[in-house]
C-alpha atoms as a PDB file:
ATOM      1  CA  MET A   1      27.578  23.213   0.929  1.00  0.00           C
ATOM      2  CA  GLU A   2      26.370  22.942   4.157  1.00  0.00           C
ATOM      3  CA  LYS A   3      25.056  20.210   6.941  1.00  0.00           C
ATOM      4  CA  VAL A   4      22.795  19.498   9.280  1.00  0.00           C
ATOM      5  CA  ASN A   5      22.093  16.851  11.604  1.00  0.00           C
ATOM      6  CA  LEU A   6      17.487  16.389  12.169  1.00  0.00           C
ATOM      7  CA  GLU A   7      16.089  14.199  14.890  1.00  0.00           C
ATOM      8  CA  VAL A   8      13.680  12.056  13.261  1.00  0.00           C
ATOM      9  CA  ARG A   9      10.869  10.351  15.225  1.00  0.00           C
ATOM     10  CA  GLY A  10       8.708   7.000  14.367  1.00  0.00           C
ATOM     11  CA  MET A  11      11.012   5.447  12.623  1.00  0.00           C
ATOM     12  CA  HIS A  12      10.826   1.808  13.232  1.00  0.00           C
ATOM     13  CA  CYS A  13      12.839  -0.358  10.476  1.00  0.00           C
ATOM     14  CA  ASP A  14      15.158  -0.613   7.702  1.00  0.00           C
ATOM     15  CA  ASN A  15      12.237   0.320   5.130  1.00  0.00           C
ATOM     16  CA  CYS A  16      11.407   3.660   7.185  1.00  0.00           C
ATOM     17  CA  VAL A  17      14.961   4.267   6.856  1.00  0.00           C
ATOM     18  CA  GLN A  18      14.867   3.817   3.342  1.00  0.00           C
ATOM     19  CA  SER A  19      11.640   6.215   2.911  1.00  0.00           C
ATOM     20  CA  VAL A  20      13.267   9.142   4.959  1.00  0.00           C
ATOM     21  CA  THR A  21      16.733   8.822   3.116  1.00  0.00           C
ATOM     22  CA  GLN A  22      14.526   8.644  -0.623  1.00  0.00           C
ATOM     23  CA  ALA A  23      12.348  11.268   0.883  1.00  0.00           C
ATOM     24  CA  LEU A  24      15.554  13.729   1.403  1.00  0.00           C
ATOM     25  CA  LYS A  25      17.311  12.962  -1.763  1.00  0.00           C
ATOM     26  CA  ASP A  26      14.133  13.343  -3.634  1.00  0.00           C
ATOM     27  CA  VAL A  27      14.594  17.238  -2.445  1.00  0.00           C
ATOM     28  CA  GLU A  28      16.969  19.382  -4.917  1.00  0.00           C
ATOM     29  CA  GLY A  29      20.035  20.561  -3.369  1.00  0.00           C
ATOM     30  CA  VAL A  30      20.713  17.719  -1.391  1.00  0.00           C
ATOM     31  CA  LYS A  31      23.905  15.994  -2.156  1.00  0.00           C
ATOM     32  CA  LEU A  32      23.902  13.686   0.692  1.00  0.00           C
ATOM     33  CA  ALA A  33      21.065  11.774   3.174  1.00  0.00           C
ATOM     34  CA  LYS A  34      22.969   9.409   5.620  1.00  0.00           C
ATOM     35  CA  VAL A  35      19.866   8.029   8.055  1.00  0.00           C
ATOM     36  CA  SER A  36      20.624   6.524  10.891  1.00  0.00           C
ATOM     37  CA  LEU A  37      17.603   4.098  12.853  1.00  0.00           C
ATOM     38  CA  GLU A  38      19.847   3.440  16.023  1.00  0.00           C
ATOM     39  CA  GLU A  39      20.321   7.421  16.477  1.00  0.00           C
ATOM     40  CA  ASN A  40      16.948   8.469  14.745  1.00  0.00           C
ATOM     41  CA  GLN A  41      18.687  11.071  13.039  1.00  0.00           C
ATOM     42  CA  ALA A  42      19.637  12.013   9.220  1.00  0.00           C
ATOM     43  CA  GLN A  43      22.519  13.834   8.387  1.00  0.00           C
ATOM     44  CA  VAL A  44      21.828  15.941   5.232  1.00  0.00           C
ATOM     45  CA  THR A  45      24.430  17.454   3.303  1.00  0.00           C
ATOM     46  CA  TYR A  46      23.009  20.248   0.829  1.00  0.00           C
ATOM     47  CA  ASP A  47      23.330  23.149  -1.340  1.00  0.00           C
ATOM     48  CA  PRO A  48      21.507  26.298   0.502  1.00  0.00           C
ATOM     49  CA  ALA A  49      21.329  27.739  -2.362  1.00  0.00           C
ATOM     50  CA  LYS A  50      19.162  25.402  -3.542  1.00  0.00           C
ATOM     51  CA  ALA A  51      17.383  23.903  -0.418  1.00  0.00           C
ATOM     52  CA  SER A  52      16.388  25.210   2.779  1.00  0.00           C
ATOM     53  CA  LEU A  53      16.139  23.577   6.761  1.00  0.00           C
ATOM     54  CA  GLU A  54      12.212  24.116   5.944  1.00  0.00           C
ATOM     55  CA  THR A  55      12.229  22.425   2.615  1.00  0.00           C
ATOM     56  CA  LEU A  56      14.535  19.427   4.323  1.00  0.00           C
ATOM     57  CA  LYS A  57      12.180  19.030   7.223  1.00  0.00           C
ATOM     58  CA  GLU A  58       8.787  19.420   5.073  1.00  0.00           C
ATOM     59  CA  ALA A  59       9.992  16.379   3.001  1.00  0.00           C
ATOM     60  CA  VAL A  60      10.190  14.441   5.623  1.00  0.00           C
ATOM     61  CA  LYS A  61       6.797  15.429   7.657  1.00  0.00           C
ATOM     62  CA  ASN A  62       5.592  14.374   3.788  1.00  0.00           C
ATOM     63  CA  ALA A  63       7.236  10.951   3.924  1.00  0.00           C
ATOM     64  CA  GLY A  64       4.808  10.345   7.065  1.00  0.00           C
ATOM     65  CA  TYR A  65       7.824  10.958   9.976  1.00  0.00           C
ATOM     66  CA  GLU A  66       8.161  13.395  12.655  1.00  0.00           C
ATOM     67  CA  VAL A  67      11.223  15.939  12.892  1.00  0.00           C
ATOM     68  CA  ALA A  68      12.193  17.265  16.392  1.00  0.00           C
END
């Protein structure tokens, strides 16, 4: 398992946090996704054999948010 912190831009409320969290959890190989509105960050624990950093970033983008 690997851990990565993604800087997420465009979140404004708890619904945004839930959207990003669900988008990340829907990626195969993601074990844990913890999203913080205050820090504009998503902390993700994932299996690199099943998911890549690019896949995680793409999931956030597809949910309507930016990844720095």
